Amino acid sequence: MLTKNGGFIVNRKYLGTIFILVGLCKLSFEIYGLKVLQLLDKASQTSYWSSAWRYFGEFPVVVSFLITLCILIAGLVLIIHKE
């Protein structure tokens, strides 16, 4: 559907659903990425955490998780928001 000035009208509910799907995929990659970080640390012959979840305390991982959380919240707001 086109508007008067040629732009597309995007349904907020569909856009919110896309945000949530992208956010959940990103969260899944992050969780698997914790294990990859652990394996890379082991391969580098340096000290490493015994549990992959301990890498969650590292600053870049926390920032990435917060970005994912913002994407998920934005998706929920787009779906739930009443006009």
N, C-alpha and C. Protein backbone atom coordinates (compact mmCIF):
# COMPACT_ATOMS: atom_id res chain seq x y z
N MET A 1 0.84 -1.16 0.00
CA MET A 1 0.00 0.00 0.00
C MET A 1 0.90 1.24 0.00
N LEU A 2 0.58 2.19 -0.85
CA LEU A 2 1.38 3.39 -0.98
C LEU A 2 0.65 4.59 -0.39
N THR A 3 1.44 5.53 0.13
CA THR A 3 0.88 6.78 0.62
C THR A 3 0.87 7.80 -0.52
N LYS A 4 0.39 9.01 -0.26
CA LYS A 4 0.33 10.05 -1.28
C LYS A 4 1.72 10.43 -1.80
N ASN A 5 2.70 10.43 -0.91
CA ASN A 5 4.04 10.84 -1.34
C ASN A 5 4.90 9.66 -1.81
N GLY A 6 4.30 8.49 -2.05
CA GLY A 6 5.02 7.36 -2.62
C GLY A 6 5.66 6.43 -1.62
N GLY A 7 5.54 6.68 -0.32
CA GLY A 7 6.12 5.79 0.69
C GLY A 7 5.19 4.63 1.01
N PHE A 8 5.75 3.61 1.56
CA PHE A 8 4.95 2.45 1.95
C PHE A 8 4.40 2.62 3.37
N ILE A 9 3.20 2.15 3.59
CA ILE A 9 2.62 2.12 4.93
C ILE A 9 2.99 0.76 5.53
N VAL A 10 3.66 0.80 6.66
CA VAL A 10 4.07 -0.43 7.32
C VAL A 10 3.20 -0.61 8.56
N ASN A 11 2.60 -1.76 8.65
CA ASN A 11 1.77 -2.06 9.80
C ASN A 11 2.68 -2.22 11.02
N ARG A 12 2.35 -1.52 12.08
CA ARG A 12 3.19 -1.55 13.29
C ARG A 12 3.30 -2.95 13.88
N LYS A 13 2.21 -3.71 13.79
CA LYS A 13 2.22 -5.05 14.35
C LYS A 13 3.21 -5.95 13.61
N TYR A 14 3.23 -5.86 12.28
CA TYR A 14 4.18 -6.66 11.50
C TYR A 14 5.61 -6.22 11.76
N LEU A 15 5.83 -4.92 11.85
CA LEU A 15 7.16 -4.41 12.14
C LEU A 15 7.62 -4.86 13.53
N GLY A 16 6.73 -4.84 14.50
CA GLY A 16 7.06 -5.32 15.84
C GLY A 16 7.40 -6.79 15.85
N THR A 17 6.67 -7.58 15.06
CA THR A 17 6.95 -9.01 14.95
C THR A 17 8.33 -9.24 14.36
N ILE A 18 8.68 -8.46 13.34
CA ILE A 18 10.01 -8.58 12.75
C ILE A 18 11.09 -8.22 13.76
N PHE A 19 10.88 -7.15 14.54
CA PHE A 19 11.84 -6.76 15.58
C PHE A 19 12.03 -7.90 16.58
N ILE A 20 10.94 -8.51 17.00
CA ILE A 20 11.05 -9.59 17.99
C ILE A 20 11.78 -10.79 17.40
N LEU A 21 11.48 -11.15 16.17
CA LEU A 21 12.16 -12.28 15.54
C LEU A 21 13.66 -12.01 15.38
N VAL A 22 14.01 -10.81 14.95
CA VAL A 22 15.42 -10.45 14.81
C VAL A 22 16.10 -10.43 16.18
N GLY A 23 15.42 -9.90 17.18
CA GLY A 23 15.99 -9.86 18.53
C GLY A 23 16.23 -11.25 19.11
N LEU A 24 15.28 -12.16 18.88
CA LEU A 24 15.44 -13.53 19.39
C LEU A 24 16.55 -14.28 18.65
N CYS A 25 16.67 -14.04 17.35
CA CYS A 25 17.78 -14.65 16.60
C CYS A 25 19.12 -14.11 17.09
N LYS A 26 19.18 -12.81 17.34
CA LYS A 26 20.41 -12.20 17.86
C LYS A 26 20.74 -12.75 19.24
N LEU A 27 19.74 -12.94 20.07
CA LEU A 27 19.96 -13.50 21.41
C LEU A 27 20.50 -14.93 21.31
N SER A 28 19.95 -15.69 20.39
CA SER A 28 20.43 -17.06 20.18
C SER A 28 21.89 -17.06 19.75
N PHE A 29 22.25 -16.20 18.81
CA PHE A 29 23.65 -16.11 18.38
C PHE A 29 24.56 -15.68 19.53
N GLU A 30 24.08 -14.79 20.37
CA GLU A 30 24.89 -14.34 21.51
C GLU A 30 25.15 -15.49 22.48
N ILE A 31 24.14 -16.30 22.74
CA ILE A 31 24.30 -17.41 23.68
C ILE A 31 25.30 -18.42 23.12
N TYR A 32 25.18 -18.75 21.83
CA TYR A 32 26.17 -19.63 21.23
C TYR A 32 27.54 -18.97 21.16
N GLY A 33 27.54 -17.66 21.00
CA GLY A 33 28.80 -16.91 20.94
C GLY A 33 29.59 -16.98 22.23
N LEU A 34 28.90 -17.12 23.36
CA LEU A 34 29.61 -17.25 24.64
C LEU A 34 30.48 -18.50 24.64
N LYS A 35 29.97 -19.57 24.10
CA LYS A 35 30.74 -20.82 24.01
C LYS A 35 31.90 -20.65 23.03
N VAL A 36 31.67 -19.94 21.94
CA VAL A 36 32.74 -19.68 20.97
C VAL A 36 33.84 -18.85 21.62
N LEU A 37 33.48 -17.84 22.42
CA LEU A 37 34.49 -17.05 23.13
C LEU A 37 35.32 -17.94 24.05
N GLN A 38 34.68 -18.85 24.73
CA GLN A 38 35.39 -19.75 25.62
C GLN A 38 36.37 -20.64 24.83
N LEU A 39 35.90 -21.17 23.70
CA LEU A 39 36.77 -22.02 22.89
C LEU A 39 37.95 -21.25 22.31
N LEU A 40 37.72 -20.00 21.92
CA LEU A 40 38.82 -19.17 21.42
C LEU A 40 39.83 -18.87 22.51
N ASP A 41 39.35 -18.63 23.72
CA ASP A 41 40.25 -18.40 24.85
C ASP A 41 41.07 -19.65 25.16
N LYS A 42 40.44 -20.79 25.11
CA LYS A 42 41.16 -22.05 25.34
C LYS A 42 42.24 -22.26 24.28
N ALA A 43 41.90 -21.97 23.02
CA ALA A 43 42.84 -22.18 21.92
C ALA A 43 44.02 -21.21 21.97
N SER A 44 43.84 -20.05 22.60
CA SER A 44 44.90 -19.05 22.65
C SER A 44 45.92 -19.34 23.75
N GLN A 45 45.73 -20.42 24.49
CA GLN A 45 46.66 -20.85 25.53
C GLN A 45 46.80 -19.83 26.66
N THR A 46 45.75 -19.05 26.87
CA THR A 46 45.75 -18.09 27.98
C THR A 46 44.71 -18.54 29.01
N SER A 47 44.58 -17.77 30.06
CA SER A 47 43.58 -18.13 31.07
C SER A 47 42.18 -17.93 30.49
N TYR A 48 41.27 -18.78 30.90
CA TYR A 48 39.90 -18.70 30.41
C TYR A 48 38.95 -19.09 31.53
N TRP A 49 37.69 -18.67 31.40
CA TRP A 49 36.68 -19.02 32.39
C TRP A 49 36.27 -20.48 32.21
N SER A 50 35.99 -21.15 33.29
CA SER A 50 35.59 -22.56 33.20
C SER A 50 34.15 -22.70 32.69
N SER A 51 33.33 -21.69 32.88
CA SER A 51 31.95 -21.70 32.41
C SER A 51 31.77 -20.61 31.35
N ALA A 52 31.10 -20.95 30.26
CA ALA A 52 30.87 -19.97 29.19
C ALA A 52 30.02 -18.81 29.67
N TRP A 53 29.14 -19.05 30.65
CA TRP A 53 28.28 -17.98 31.16
C TRP A 53 29.06 -16.91 31.90
N ARG A 54 30.28 -17.20 32.36
CA ARG A 54 31.10 -16.20 33.05
C ARG A 54 31.52 -15.08 32.11
N TYR A 55 31.54 -15.35 30.80
CA TYR A 55 31.89 -14.31 29.82
C TYR A 55 30.81 -13.24 29.73
N PHE A 56 29.66 -13.53 30.28
CA PHE A 56 28.57 -12.54 30.27
C PHE A 56 28.93 -11.29 31.07
N GLY A 57 29.90 -11.39 31.95
CA GLY A 57 30.34 -10.23 32.71
C GLY A 57 31.28 -9.32 31.96
N GLU A 58 31.74 -9.71 30.79
CA GLU A 58 32.64 -8.89 29.99
C GLU A 58 31.85 -7.76 29.33
N PHE A 59 32.48 -6.59 29.25
CA PHE A 59 31.79 -5.38 28.78
C PHE A 59 31.17 -5.53 27.38
N PRO A 60 31.90 -6.02 26.35
CA PRO A 60 31.27 -6.12 25.02
C PRO A 60 30.06 -7.05 24.99
N VAL A 61 30.09 -8.10 25.78
CA VAL A 61 28.96 -9.04 25.82
C VAL A 61 27.75 -8.37 26.47
N VAL A 62 27.99 -7.61 27.51
CA VAL A 62 26.89 -6.90 28.19
C VAL A 62 26.26 -5.87 27.26
N VAL A 63 27.09 -5.13 26.54
CA VAL A 63 26.58 -4.11 25.60
C VAL A 63 25.74 -4.78 24.51
N SER A 64 26.24 -5.88 23.98
CA SER A 64 25.50 -6.61 22.95
C SER A 64 24.17 -7.11 23.48
N PHE A 65 24.16 -7.61 24.71
CA PHE A 65 22.91 -8.08 25.31
C PHE A 65 21.93 -6.92 25.51
N LEU A 66 22.43 -5.76 25.93
CA LEU A 66 21.55 -4.60 26.13
C LEU A 66 20.94 -4.14 24.81
N ILE A 67 21.71 -4.19 23.74
CA ILE A 67 21.18 -3.83 22.42
C ILE A 67 20.06 -4.81 22.03
N THR A 68 20.29 -6.08 22.28
CA THR A 68 19.27 -7.10 21.99
C THR A 68 18.02 -6.84 22.81
N LEU A 69 18.21 -6.52 24.07
CA LEU A 69 17.07 -6.23 24.95
C LEU A 69 16.28 -5.03 24.43
N CYS A 70 16.96 -4.00 23.95
CA CYS A 70 16.28 -2.82 23.39
C CYS A 70 15.49 -3.19 22.14
N ILE A 71 16.04 -4.06 21.30
CA ILE A 71 15.33 -4.50 20.09
C ILE A 71 14.06 -5.25 20.47
N LEU A 72 14.16 -6.13 21.46
CA LEU A 72 12.98 -6.89 21.89
C LEU A 72 11.92 -5.99 22.51
N ILE A 73 12.33 -5.04 23.33
CA ILE A 73 11.38 -4.11 23.95
C ILE A 73 10.71 -3.25 22.89
N ALA A 74 11.49 -2.78 21.91
CA ALA A 74 10.91 -1.97 20.83
C ALA A 74 9.87 -2.78 20.06
N GLY A 75 10.16 -4.06 19.82
CA GLY A 75 9.20 -4.92 19.13
C GLY A 75 7.92 -5.08 19.93
N LEU A 76 8.06 -5.27 21.23
CA LEU A 76 6.87 -5.40 22.08
C LEU A 76 6.06 -4.12 22.11
N VAL A 77 6.74 -2.99 22.17
CA VAL A 77 6.03 -1.70 22.19
C VAL A 77 5.27 -1.51 20.87
N LEU A 78 5.89 -1.88 19.75
CA LEU A 78 5.20 -1.74 18.46
C LEU A 78 3.97 -2.64 18.37
N ILE A 79 4.05 -3.82 18.96
CA ILE A 79 2.90 -4.74 18.90
C ILE A 79 1.80 -4.32 19.86
N ILE A 80 2.16 -3.94 21.07
CA ILE A 80 1.18 -3.68 22.13
C ILE A 80 0.61 -2.25 22.05
N HIS A 81 1.37 -1.30 21.51
CA HIS A 81 0.97 0.10 21.49
C HIS A 81 -0.40 0.28 20.86
N LYS A 82 -1.26 1.01 21.58
CA LYS A 82 -2.61 1.30 21.07
C LYS A 82 -2.61 2.68 20.45
N GLU A 83 -3.25 2.78 19.32
CA GLU A 83 -3.29 4.07 18.61
C GLU A 83 -4.46 4.90 19.03
